[in-house]
PDB file of N, CA and C in Angstrom:
ATOM      1  N   UNK A   1    -100.463-119.296  68.169  1.00  0.00           N
ATOM      2  CA  UNK A   1     -99.524-119.315  67.057  1.00  0.00           C
ATOM      3  C   UNK A   1    -100.312-119.558  65.767  1.00  0.00           C
ATOM      4  N   UNK A   2    -100.032-118.808  64.686  1.00  0.00           N
ATOM      5  CA  UNK A   2    -100.764-118.973  63.432  1.00  0.00           C
ATOM      6  C   UNK A   2    -100.532-120.351  62.820  1.00  0.00           C
ATOM      7  N   UNK A   3    -101.537-120.827  62.145  1.00  0.00           N
ATOM      8  CA  UNK A   3    -101.485-122.096  61.435  1.00  0.00           C
ATOM      9  C   UNK A   3    -100.421-122.018  60.336  1.00  0.00           C
ATOM     10  N   UNK A   4     -99.613-123.090  60.179  1.00  0.00           N
ATOM     11  CA  UNK A   4     -98.559-123.102  59.152  1.00  0.00           C
ATOM     12  C   UNK A   4     -99.139-122.958  57.751  1.00  0.00           C
ATOM     13  N   UNK A   5    -100.313-123.550  57.508  1.00  0.00           N
ATOM     14  CA  UNK A   5    -100.925-123.446  56.178  1.00  0.00           C
ATOM     15  C   UNK A   5    -101.312-122.000  55.874  1.00  0.00           C
ATOM     16  N   UNK A   6    -101.809-121.293  56.883  1.00  0.00           N
ATOM     17  CA  UNK A   6    -102.167-119.882  56.685  1.00  0.00           C
ATOM     18  C   UNK A   6    -100.916-119.084  56.360  1.00  0.00           C
ATOM     19  N   UNK A   7     -99.827-119.340  57.083  1.00  0.00           N
ATOM     20  CA  UNK A   7     -98.570-118.644  56.800  1.00  0.00           C
ATOM     21  C   UNK A   7     -98.066-118.967  55.404  1.00  0.00           C
ATOM     22  N   UNK A   8     -98.164-120.226  54.991  1.00  0.00           N
ATOM     23  CA  UNK A   8     -97.734-120.610  53.651  1.00  0.00           C
ATOM     24  C   UNK A   8     -98.569-119.892  52.595  1.00  0.00           C
ATOM     25  N   UNK A   9     -99.874-119.803  52.811  1.00  0.00           N
ATOM     26  CA  UNK A   9    -100.731-119.094  51.860  1.00  0.00           C
ATOM     27  C   UNK A   9    -100.372-117.621  51.793  1.00  0.00           C
ATOM     28  N   UNK A  10    -100.028-117.021  52.933  1.00  0.00           N
ATOM     29  CA  UNK A  10     -99.597-115.622  52.930  1.00  0.00           C
ATOM     30  C   UNK A  10     -98.343-115.454  52.090  1.00  0.00           C
ATOM     31  N   UNK A  11     -97.404-116.359  52.252  1.00  0.00           N
ATOM     32  CA  UNK A  11     -96.159-116.296  51.483  1.00  0.00           C
ATOM     33  C   UNK A  11     -96.457-116.389  49.994  1.00  0.00           C
ATOM     34  N   UNK A  12     -97.352-117.287  49.617  1.00  0.00           N
ATOM     35  CA  UNK A  12     -97.678-117.490  48.208  1.00  0.00           C
ATOM     36  C   UNK A  12     -98.413-116.286  47.633  1.00  0.00           C
ATOM     37  N   UNK A  13     -99.401-115.777  48.356  1.00  0.00           N
ATOM     38  CA  UNK A  13    -100.306-114.789  47.787  1.00  0.00           C
ATOM     39  C   UNK A  13     -99.877-113.344  47.989  1.00  0.00           C
ATOM     40  N   UNK A  14     -99.140-113.063  49.022  1.00  0.00           N
ATOM     41  CA  UNK A  14     -98.772-111.683  49.304  1.00  0.00           C
ATOM     42  C   UNK A  14     -97.556-111.264  48.487  1.00  0.00           C
ATOM     43  N   UNK A  15     -97.544-110.018  48.133  1.00  0.00           N
ATOM     44  CA  UNK A  15     -96.419-109.454  47.410  1.00  0.00           C
ATOM     45  C   UNK A  15     -95.242-109.325  48.366  1.00  0.00           C
ATOM     46  N   UNK A  16     -94.046-109.622  47.908  1.00  0.00           N
ATOM     47  CA  UNK A  16     -92.876-109.623  48.776  1.00  0.00           C
ATOM     48  C   UNK A  16     -92.648-108.260  49.421  1.00  0.00           C
ATOM     49  N   UNK A  17     -92.965-107.192  48.740  1.00  0.00           N
ATOM     50  CA  UNK A  17     -92.796-105.853  49.305  1.00  0.00           C
ATOM     51  C   UNK A  17     -93.671-105.712  50.559  1.00  0.00           C
ATOM     52  N   UNK A  18     -94.894-106.218  50.490  1.00  0.00           N
ATOM     53  CA  UNK A  18     -95.796-106.174  51.646  1.00  0.00           C
ATOM     54  C   UNK A  18     -95.312-107.098  52.755  1.00  0.00           C
ATOM     55  N   UNK A  19     -94.866-108.289  52.374  1.00  0.00           N
ATOM     56  CA  UNK A  19     -94.401-109.249  53.370  1.00  0.00           C
ATOM     57  C   UNK A  19     -93.231-108.699  54.176  1.00  0.00           C
ATOM     58  N   UNK A  20     -92.394-107.910  53.515  1.00  0.00           N
ATOM     59  CA  UNK A  20     -91.215-107.365  54.182  1.00  0.00           C
ATOM     60  C   UNK A  20     -91.445-105.959  54.729  1.00  0.00           C
ATOM     61  N   UNK A  21     -92.687-105.472  54.595  1.00  0.00           N
ATOM     62  CA  UNK A  21     -93.039-104.126  55.064  1.00  0.00           C
ATOM     63  C   UNK A  21     -92.144-103.051  54.447  1.00  0.00           C
ATOM     64  N   UNK A  22     -91.979-103.128  53.132  1.00  0.00           N
ATOM     65  CA  UNK A  22     -91.107-102.190  52.426  1.00  0.00           C
ATOM     66  C   UNK A  22     -91.884-101.217  51.541  1.00  0.00           C
ATOM     67  N   UNK A  23     -93.146-101.029  51.845  1.00  0.00           N
ATOM     68  CA  UNK A  23     -93.976-100.147  51.022  1.00  0.00           C
ATOM     69  C   UNK A  23     -93.444 -98.716  50.990  1.00  0.00           C
ATOM     70  N   UNK A  24     -92.724 -98.305  52.020  1.00  0.00           N
ATOM     71  CA  UNK A  24     -92.225 -96.928  52.094  1.00  0.00           C
ATOM     72  C   UNK A  24     -90.967 -96.705  51.250  1.00  0.00           C
ATOM     73  N   UNK A  25     -90.389 -97.777  50.729  1.00  0.00           N
ATOM     74  CA  UNK A  25     -89.212 -97.613  49.883  1.00  0.00           C
ATOM     75  C   UNK A  25     -89.562 -96.813  48.631  1.00  0.00           C
ATOM     76  N   UNK A  26     -88.641 -96.004  48.160  1.00  0.00           N
ATOM     77  CA  UNK A  26     -88.872 -95.318  46.887  1.00  0.00           C
ATOM     78  C   UNK A  26     -89.047 -96.338  45.757  1.00  0.00           C
ATOM     79  N   UNK A  27     -89.811 -95.959  44.753  1.00  0.00           N
ATOM     80  CA  UNK A  27     -90.095 -96.866  43.630  1.00  0.00           C
ATOM     81  C   UNK A  27     -88.816 -97.453  43.038  1.00  0.00           C
ATOM     82  N   UNK A  28     -87.809 -96.640  42.876  1.00  0.00           N
ATOM     83  CA  UNK A  28     -86.561 -97.096  42.267  1.00  0.00           C
ATOM     84  C   UNK A  28     -85.943 -98.242  43.065  1.00  0.00           C
ATOM     85  N   UNK A  29     -85.964 -98.153  44.379  1.00  0.00           N
ATOM     86  CA  UNK A  29     -85.409 -99.216  45.218  1.00  0.00           C
ATOM     87  C   UNK A  29     -86.279-100.468  45.193  1.00  0.00           C
ATOM     88  N   UNK A  30     -87.597-100.276  45.161  1.00  0.00           N
ATOM     89  CA  UNK A  30     -88.488-101.448  45.081  1.00  0.00           C
ATOM     90  C   UNK A  30     -88.289-102.177  43.756  1.00  0.00           C
ATOM     91  N   UNK A  31     -88.157-101.421  42.675  1.00  0.00           N
ATOM     92  CA  UNK A  31     -87.930-102.033  41.353  1.00  0.00           C
ATOM     93  C   UNK A  31     -86.604-102.779  41.354  1.00  0.00           C
ATOM     94  N   UNK A  32     -85.584-102.175  41.936  1.00  0.00           N
ATOM     95  CA  UNK A  32     -84.274-102.820  42.010  1.00  0.00           C
ATOM     96  C   UNK A  32     -84.357-104.122  42.801  1.00  0.00           C
ATOM     97  N   UNK A  33     -85.051-104.096  43.930  1.00  0.00           N
ATOM     98  CA  UNK A  33     -85.228-105.295  44.748  1.00  0.00           C
ATOM     99  C   UNK A  33     -85.934-106.389  43.953  1.00  0.00           C
ATOM    100  N   UNK A  34     -86.998-106.019  43.258  1.00  0.00           N
ATOM    101  CA  UNK A  34     -87.748-107.005  42.476  1.00  0.00           C
ATOM    102  C   UNK A  34     -86.884-107.585  41.357  1.00  0.00           C
ATOM    103  N   UNK A  35     -86.093-106.735  40.693  1.00  0.00           N
ATOM    104  CA  UNK A  35     -85.202-107.222  39.636  1.00  0.00           C
ATOM    105  C   UNK A  35     -84.165-108.193  40.184  1.00  0.00           C
ATOM    106  N   UNK A  36     -83.639-107.887  41.362  1.00  0.00           N
ATOM    107  CA  UNK A  36     -82.671-108.786  41.985  1.00  0.00           C
ATOM    108  C   UNK A  36     -83.323-110.124  42.337  1.00  0.00           C
ATOM    109  N   UNK A  37     -84.552-110.076  42.816  1.00  0.00           N
ATOM    110  CA  UNK A  37     -85.261-111.318  43.142  1.00  0.00           C
ATOM    111  C   UNK A  37     -85.514-112.150  41.892  1.00  0.00           C
ATOM    112  N   UNK A  38     -85.903-111.507  40.815  1.00  0.00           N
ATOM    113  CA  UNK A  38     -86.124-112.219  39.549  1.00  0.00           C
ATOM    114  C   UNK A  38     -84.826-112.885  39.100  1.00  0.00           C
ATOM    115  N   UNK A  39     -83.712-112.179  39.224  1.00  0.00           N
ATOM    116  CA  UNK A  39     -82.419-112.754  38.851  1.00  0.00           C
ATOM    117  C   UNK A  39     -82.094-113.988  39.693  1.00  0.00           C
ATOM    118  N   UNK A  40     -82.348-113.914  40.992  1.00  0.00           N
ATOM    119  CA  UNK A  40     -82.078-115.052  41.878  1.00  0.00           C
ATOM    120  C   UNK A  40     -82.956-116.241  41.501  1.00  0.00           C
ATOM    121  N   UNK A  41     -84.235-116.005  41.279  1.00  0.00           N
ATOM    122  CA  UNK A  41     -85.147-117.091  40.895  1.00  0.00           C
ATOM    123  C   UNK A  41     -84.692-117.696  39.566  1.00  0.00           C
ATOM    124  N   UNK A  42     -84.325-116.865  38.607  1.00  0.00           N
ATOM    125  CA  UNK A  42     -83.859-117.374  37.306  1.00  0.00           C
ATOM    126  C   UNK A  42     -82.600-118.218  37.456  1.00  0.00           C
ATOM    127  N   UNK A  43     -81.669-117.775  38.293  1.00  0.00           N
ATOM    128  CA  UNK A  43     -80.441-118.542  38.515  1.00  0.00           C
ATOM    129  C   UNK A  43     -80.755-119.888  39.161  1.00  0.00           C
ATOM    130  N   UNK A  44     -81.650-119.873  40.132  1.00  0.00           N
ATOM    131  CA  UNK A  44     -82.026-121.123  40.793  1.00  0.00           C
ATOM    132  C   UNK A  44     -82.721-122.072  39.832  1.00  0.00           C
ATOM    133  N   UNK A  45     -83.583-121.521  38.986  1.00  0.00           N
ATOM    134  CA  UNK A  45     -84.271-122.358  37.999  1.00  0.00           C
ATOM    135  C   UNK A  45     -83.272-122.994  37.041  1.00  0.00           C
ATOM    136  N   UNK A  46     -82.324-122.208  36.578  1.00  0.00           N
ATOM    137  CA  UNK A  46     -81.320-122.730  35.655  1.00  0.00           C
ATOM    138  C   UNK A  46     -80.515-123.845  36.308  1.00  0.00           C
ATOM    139  N   UNK A  47     -80.078-123.630  37.530  1.00  0.00           N
ATOM    140  CA  UNK A  47     -79.324-124.673  38.232  1.00  0.00           C
ATOM    141  C   UNK A  47     -80.167-125.925  38.440  1.00  0.00           C
ATOM    142  N   UNK A  48     -81.408-125.727  38.783  1.00  0.00           N
ATOM    143  CA  UNK A  48     -82.307-126.865  38.995  1.00  0.00           C
ATOM    144  C   UNK A  48     -82.515-127.641  37.692  1.00  0.00           C
ATOM    145  N   UNK A  49     -82.722-126.928  36.596  1.00  0.00           N
ATOM    146  CA  UNK A  49     -82.908-127.602  35.315  1.00  0.00           C
ATOM    147  C   UNK A  49     -81.646-128.346  34.901  1.00  0.00           C
ATOM    148  N   UNK A  50     -80.483-127.730  35.098  1.00  0.00           N
ATOM    149  CA  UNK A  50     -79.227-128.401  34.752  1.00  0.00           C
ATOM    150  C   UNK A  50     -79.023-129.654  35.593  1.00  0.00           C
ATOM    151  N   UNK A  51     -79.484-129.614  36.827  1.00  0.00           N
ATOM    152  CA  UNK A  51     -79.366-130.767  37.707  1.00  0.00           C
ATOM    153  C   UNK A  51     -80.351-131.876  37.327  1.00  0.00           C
ATOM    154  N   UNK A  52     -81.564-131.489  36.916  1.00  0.00           N
ATOM    155  CA  UNK A  52     -82.627-132.470  36.663  1.00  0.00           C
ATOM    156  C   UNK A  52     -82.650-133.011  35.232  1.00  0.00           C
ATOM    157  N   UNK A  53     -81.994-132.324  34.315  1.00  0.00           N
ATOM    158  CA  UNK A  53     -82.098-132.734  32.908  1.00  0.00           C
ATOM    159  C   UNK A  53     -81.398-134.073  32.676  1.00  0.00           C
ATOM    160  N   UNK A  54     -81.918-134.796  31.730  1.00  0.00           N
ATOM    161  CA  UNK A  54     -81.303-136.046  31.303  1.00  0.00           C
ATOM    162  C   UNK A  54     -79.879-135.725  30.834  1.00  0.00           C
ATOM    163  N   UNK A  55     -78.886-136.437  31.352  1.00  0.00           N
ATOM    164  CA  UNK A  55     -77.497-136.141  30.974  1.00  0.00           C
ATOM    165  C   UNK A  55     -77.251-136.128  29.467  1.00  0.00           C
ATOM    166  N   UNK A  56     -77.985-136.949  28.735  1.00  0.00           N
ATOM    167  CA  UNK A  56     -77.807-136.988  27.281  1.00  0.00           C
ATOM    168  C   UNK A  56     -78.283-135.692  26.620  1.00  0.00           C
ATOM    169  N   UNK A  57     -79.197-134.977  27.267  1.00  0.00           N
ATOM    170  CA  UNK A  57     -79.733-133.738  26.703  1.00  0.00           C
ATOM    171  C   UNK A  57     -78.988-132.493  27.174  1.00  0.00           C
ATOM    172  N   UNK A  58     -78.108-132.669  28.140  1.00  0.00           N
ATOM    173  CA  UNK A  58     -77.418-131.527  28.728  1.00  0.00           C
ATOM    174  C   UNK A  58     -76.622-130.721  27.695  1.00  0.00           C
ATOM    175  N   UNK A  59     -75.859-131.373  26.803  1.00  0.00           N
ATOM    176  CA  UNK A  59     -75.125-130.578  25.802  1.00  0.00           C
ATOM    177  C   UNK A  59     -76.057-129.737  24.915  1.00  0.00           C
ATOM    178  N   UNK A  60     -77.179-130.325  24.509  1.00  0.00           N
ATOM    179  CA  UNK A  60     -78.141-129.590  23.685  1.00  0.00           C
ATOM    180  C   UNK A  60     -78.714-128.401  24.461  1.00  0.00           C
ATOM    181  N   UNK A  61     -79.018-128.630  25.729  1.00  0.00           N
ATOM    182  CA  UNK A  61     -79.582-127.575  26.561  1.00  0.00           C
ATOM    183  C   UNK A  61     -78.577-126.433  26.749  1.00  0.00           C
ATOM    184  N   UNK A  62     -77.351-126.768  27.092  1.00  0.00           N
ATOM    185  CA  UNK A  62     -76.355-125.710  27.313  1.00  0.00           C
ATOM    186  C   UNK A  62     -76.062-124.961  26.016  1.00  0.00           C
ATOM    187  N   UNK A  63     -76.060-125.663  24.884  1.00  0.00           N
ATOM    188  CA  UNK A  63     -75.862-124.985  23.599  1.00  0.00           C
ATOM    189  C   UNK A  63     -77.030-124.036  23.319  1.00  0.00           C
ATOM    190  N   UNK A  64     -78.228-124.484  23.623  1.00  0.00           N
ATOM    191  CA  UNK A  64     -79.409-123.643  23.412  1.00  0.00           C
ATOM    192  C   UNK A  64     -79.362-122.400  24.307  1.00  0.00           C
ATOM    193  N   UNK A  65     -78.877-122.575  25.534  1.00  0.00           N
ATOM    194  CA  UNK A  65     -78.746-121.431  26.442  1.00  0.00           C
ATOM    195  C   UNK A  65     -77.773-120.402  25.877  1.00  0.00           C
ATOM    196  N   UNK A  66     -76.694-120.888  25.252  1.00  0.00           N
ATOM    197  CA  UNK A  66     -75.667-119.992  24.720  1.00  0.00           C
ATOM    198  C   UNK A  66     -76.019-119.405  23.359  1.00  0.00           C
ATOM    199  N   UNK A  67     -76.635-120.217  22.501  1.00  0.00           N
ATOM    200  CA  UNK A  67     -76.798-119.803  21.106  1.00  0.00           C
ATOM    201  C   UNK A  67     -78.238-119.770  20.606  1.00  0.00           C
ATOM    202  N   UNK A  68     -79.141-120.378  21.324  1.00  0.00           N
ATOM    203  CA  UNK A  68     -80.519-120.493  20.849  1.00  0.00           C
ATOM    204  C   UNK A  68     -81.313-119.205  21.008  1.00  0.00           C
ATOM    205  N   UNK A  69     -82.402-119.139  20.269  1.00  0.00           N
ATOM    206  CA  UNK A  69     -83.316-118.004  20.402  1.00  0.00           C
ATOM    207  C   UNK A  69     -84.225-118.249  21.610  1.00  0.00           C
ATOM    208  N   UNK A  70     -84.885-117.207  22.062  1.00  0.00           N
ATOM    209  CA  UNK A  70     -85.837-117.365  23.168  1.00  0.00           C
ATOM    210  C   UNK A  70     -86.918-118.370  22.803  1.00  0.00           C
ATOM    211  N   UNK A  71     -87.371-118.319  21.553  1.00  0.00           N
ATOM    212  CA  UNK A  71     -88.422-119.239  21.102  1.00  0.00           C
ATOM    213  C   UNK A  71     -87.937-120.690  21.155  1.00  0.00           C
ATOM    214  N   UNK A  72     -86.719-120.928  20.706  1.00  0.00           N
ATOM    215  CA  UNK A  72     -86.167-122.282  20.742  1.00  0.00           C
ATOM    216  C   UNK A  72     -86.006-122.766  22.178  1.00  0.00           C
ATOM    217  N   UNK A  73     -85.510-121.889  23.022  1.00  0.00           N
ATOM    218  CA  UNK A  73     -85.313-122.250  24.424  1.00  0.00           C
ATOM    219  C   UNK A  73     -86.640-122.545  25.105  1.00  0.00           C
ATOM    220  N   UNK A  74     -87.635-121.705  24.856  1.00  0.00           N
ATOM    221  CA  UNK A  74     -88.959-121.940  25.443  1.00  0.00           C
ATOM    222  C   UNK A  74     -89.536-123.270  24.986  1.00  0.00           C
ATOM    223  N   UNK A  75     -89.378-123.584  23.717  1.00  0.00           N
ATOM    224  CA  UNK A  75     -89.884-124.854  23.184  1.00  0.00           C
ATOM    225  C   UNK A  75     -89.159-126.040  23.838  1.00  0.00           C
ATOM    226  N   UNK A  76     -87.855-125.915  24.004  1.00  0.00           N
ATOM    227  CA  UNK A  76     -87.081-126.971  24.650  1.00  0.00           C
ATOM    228  C   UNK A  76     -87.545-127.165  26.087  1.00  0.00           C
ATOM    229  N   UNK A  77     -87.733-126.066  26.801  1.00  0.00           N
ATOM    230  CA  UNK A  77     -88.180-126.153  28.194  1.00  0.00           C
ATOM    231  C   UNK A  77     -89.563-126.780  28.276  1.00  0.00           C
ATOM    232  N   UNK A  78     -90.471-126.364  27.407  1.00  0.00           N
ATOM    233  CA  UNK A  78     -91.822-126.958  27.383  1.00  0.00           C
ATOM    234  C   UNK A  78     -91.757-128.455  27.170  1.00  0.00           C
ATOM    235  N   UNK A  79     -90.882-128.889  26.271  1.00  0.00           N
ATOM    236  CA  UNK A  79     -90.786-130.316  25.937  1.00  0.00           C
ATOM    237  C   UNK A  79     -90.128-131.137  27.034  1.00  0.00           C
ATOM    238  N   UNK A  80     -89.153-130.557  27.694  1.00  0.00           N
ATOM    239  CA  UNK A  80     -88.331-131.333  28.628  1.00  0.00           C
ATOM    240  C   UNK A  80     -88.614-131.069  30.101  1.00  0.00           C
ATOM    241  N   UNK A  81     -89.363-130.020  30.383  1.00  0.00           N
ATOM    242  CA  UNK A  81     -89.714-129.691  31.757  1.00  0.00           C
ATOM    243  C   UNK A  81     -91.204-129.370  31.831  1.00  0.00           C
ATOM    244  N   UNK A  82     -92.046-130.402  31.739  1.00  0.00           N
ATOM    245  CA  UNK A  82     -93.492-130.156  31.715  1.00  0.00           C
ATOM    246  C   UNK A  82     -94.012-129.497  33.000  1.00  0.00           C
ATOM    247  N   UNK A  83     -93.239-129.587  34.069  1.00  0.00           N
ATOM    248  CA  UNK A  83     -93.639-128.976  35.332  1.00  0.00           C
ATOM    249  C   UNK A  83     -92.938-127.636  35.564  1.00  0.00           C
ATOM    250  N   UNK A  84     -92.498-126.992  34.491  1.00  0.00           N
ATOM    251  CA  UNK A  84     -91.721-125.760  34.605  1.00  0.00           C
ATOM    252  C   UNK A  84     -92.452-124.665  35.384  1.00  0.00           C
ATOM    253  N   UNK A  85     -93.748-124.505  35.158  1.00  0.00           N
ATOM    254  CA  UNK A  85     -94.498-123.477  35.893  1.00  0.00           C
ATOM    255  C   UNK A  85     -94.533-123.785  37.387  1.00  0.00           C
ATOM    256  N   UNK A  86     -94.627-125.053  37.729  1.00  0.00           N
ATOM    257  CA  UNK A  86     -94.561-125.450  39.140  1.00  0.00           C
ATOM    258  C   UNK A  86     -93.176-125.155  39.716  1.00  0.00           C
ATOM    259  N   UNK A  87     -92.152-125.385  38.905  1.00  0.00           N
ATOM    260  CA  UNK A  87     -90.789-125.098  39.347  1.00  0.00           C
ATOM    261  C   UNK A  87     -90.624-123.603  39.640  1.00  0.00           C
ATOM    262  N   UNK A  88     -91.177-122.768  38.780  1.00  0.00           N
ATOM    263  CA  UNK A  88     -91.108-121.316  38.994  1.00  0.00           C
ATOM    264  C   UNK A  88     -91.782-120.963  40.310  1.00  0.00           C
ATOM    265  N   UNK A  89     -92.973-121.499  40.518  1.00  0.00           N
ATOM    266  CA  UNK A  89     -93.712-121.213  41.754  1.00  0.00           C
ATOM    267  C   UNK A  89     -92.922-121.678  42.974  1.00  0.00           C
ATOM    268  N   UNK A  90     -92.374-122.873  42.926  1.00  0.00           N
ATOM    269  CA  UNK A  90     -91.620-123.409  44.058  1.00  0.00           C
ATOM    270  C   UNK A  90     -90.400-122.555  44.384  1.00  0.00           C
ATOM    271  N   UNK A  91     -89.659-122.171  43.367  1.00  0.00           N
ATOM    272  CA  UNK A  91     -88.457-121.367  43.602  1.00  0.00           C
ATOM    273  C   UNK A  91     -88.813-119.966  44.102  1.00  0.00           C
ATOM    274  N   UNK A  92     -89.903-119.416  43.593  1.00  0.00           N
ATOM    275  CA  UNK A  92     -90.348-118.093  44.039  1.00  0.00           C
ATOM    276  C   UNK A  92     -90.786-118.145  45.499  1.00  0.00           C
ATOM    277  N   UNK A  93     -91.558-119.157  45.846  1.00  0.00           N
ATOM    278  CA  UNK A  93     -92.023-119.317  47.232  1.00  0.00           C
ATOM    279  C   UNK A  93     -90.831-119.516  48.161  1.00  0.00           C
ATOM    280  N   UNK A  94     -89.894-120.346  47.738  1.00  0.00           N
ATOM    281  CA  UNK A  94     -88.721-120.606  48.577  1.00  0.00           C
ATOM    282  C   UNK A  94     -87.951-119.309  48.835  1.00  0.00           C
ATOM    283  N   UNK A  95     -87.746-118.497  47.811  1.00  0.00           N
ATOM    284  CA  UNK A  95     -87.028-117.239  47.990  1.00  0.00           C
ATOM    285  C   UNK A  95     -87.797-116.288  48.900  1.00  0.00           C
ATOM    286  N   UNK A  96     -89.101-116.205  48.696  1.00  0.00           N
ATOM    287  CA  UNK A  96     -89.917-115.350  49.565  1.00  0.00           C
ATOM    288  C   UNK A  96     -89.807-115.798  51.025  1.00  0.00           C
ATOM    289  N   UNK A  97     -89.914-117.099  51.261  1.00  0.00           N
ATOM    290  CA  UNK A  97     -89.819-117.621  52.623  1.00  0.00           C
ATOM    291  C   UNK A  97     -88.460-117.286  53.237  1.00  0.00           C
ATOM    292  N   UNK A  98     -87.395-117.457  52.461  1.00  0.00           N
ATOM    293  CA  UNK A  98     -86.059-117.153  52.953  1.00  0.00           C
ATOM    294  C   UNK A  98     -85.934-115.674  53.314  1.00  0.00           C
ATOM    295  N   UNK A  99     -86.467-114.807  52.461  1.00  0.00           N
ATOM    296  CA  UNK A  99     -86.376-113.368  52.719  1.00  0.00           C
ATOM    297  C   UNK A  99     -87.187-112.963  53.943  1.00  0.00           C
ATOM    298  N   UNK A 100     -88.371-113.525  54.085  1.00  0.00           N
ATOM    299  CA  UNK A 100     -89.218-113.214  55.238  1.00  0.00           C
ATOM    300  C   UNK A 100     -88.547-113.715  56.516  1.00  0.00           C
ATOM    301  N   UNK A 101     -88.040-114.941  56.495  1.00  0.00           N
ATOM    302  CA  UNK A 101     -87.370-115.490  57.679  1.00  0.00           C
ATOM    303  C   UNK A 101     -86.131-114.672  58.044  1.00  0.00           C
ATOM    304  N   UNK A 102     -85.376-114.271  57.041  1.00  0.00           N
ATOM    305  CA  UNK A 102     -84.196-113.451  57.283  1.00  0.00           C
ATOM    306  C   UNK A 102     -84.580-112.113  57.917  1.00  0.00           C
ATOM    307  N   UNK A 103     -85.645-111.505  57.405  1.00  0.00           N
ATOM    308  CA  UNK A 103     -86.098-110.220  57.939  1.00  0.00           C
ATOM    309  C   UNK A 103     -86.577-110.361  59.383  1.00  0.00           C
ATOM    310  N   UNK A 104     -87.230-111.476  59.691  1.00  0.00           N
ATOM    311  CA  UNK A 104     -87.733-111.697  61.058  1.00  0.00           C
ATOM    312  C   UNK A 104     -86.596-111.928  62.042  1.00  0.00           C
ATOM    313  N   UNK A 105     -85.511-112.502  61.574  1.00  0.00           N
ATOM    314  CA  UNK A 105     -84.392-112.855  62.455  1.00  0.00           C
ATOM    315  C   UNK A 105     -83.409-111.712  62.637  1.00  0.00           C
ATOM    316  N   UNK A 106     -83.631-110.595  62.016  1.00  0.00           N
ATOM    317  CA  UNK A 106     -82.727-109.440  62.175  1.00  0.00           C
ATOM    318  C   UNK A 106     -83.076-108.665  63.379  1.00  0.00           C
TER     319      UNK A 106
END
């Protein structure tokens, strides 16, 4: 049986299309799949940030999401979520693992 660390590294480093053996899909379908995955990761990140943010900052954050510019939002995230890049990696890895496990169980 393969080492769990090796499998984890494969999940992190391999492209999801390769992990799911979907190289034969037409480009349009692969792009659509990737866009859907990005949307899922973004939704998970938003929910995670809303859950982790200081309650006193939540109104400011939600207002920025609705009315702020990308630059303002990025600055807010940098200031209030110093581990944001780690959060992106974690959510991406989690989604990849879920997709691979789902594909294996079919």
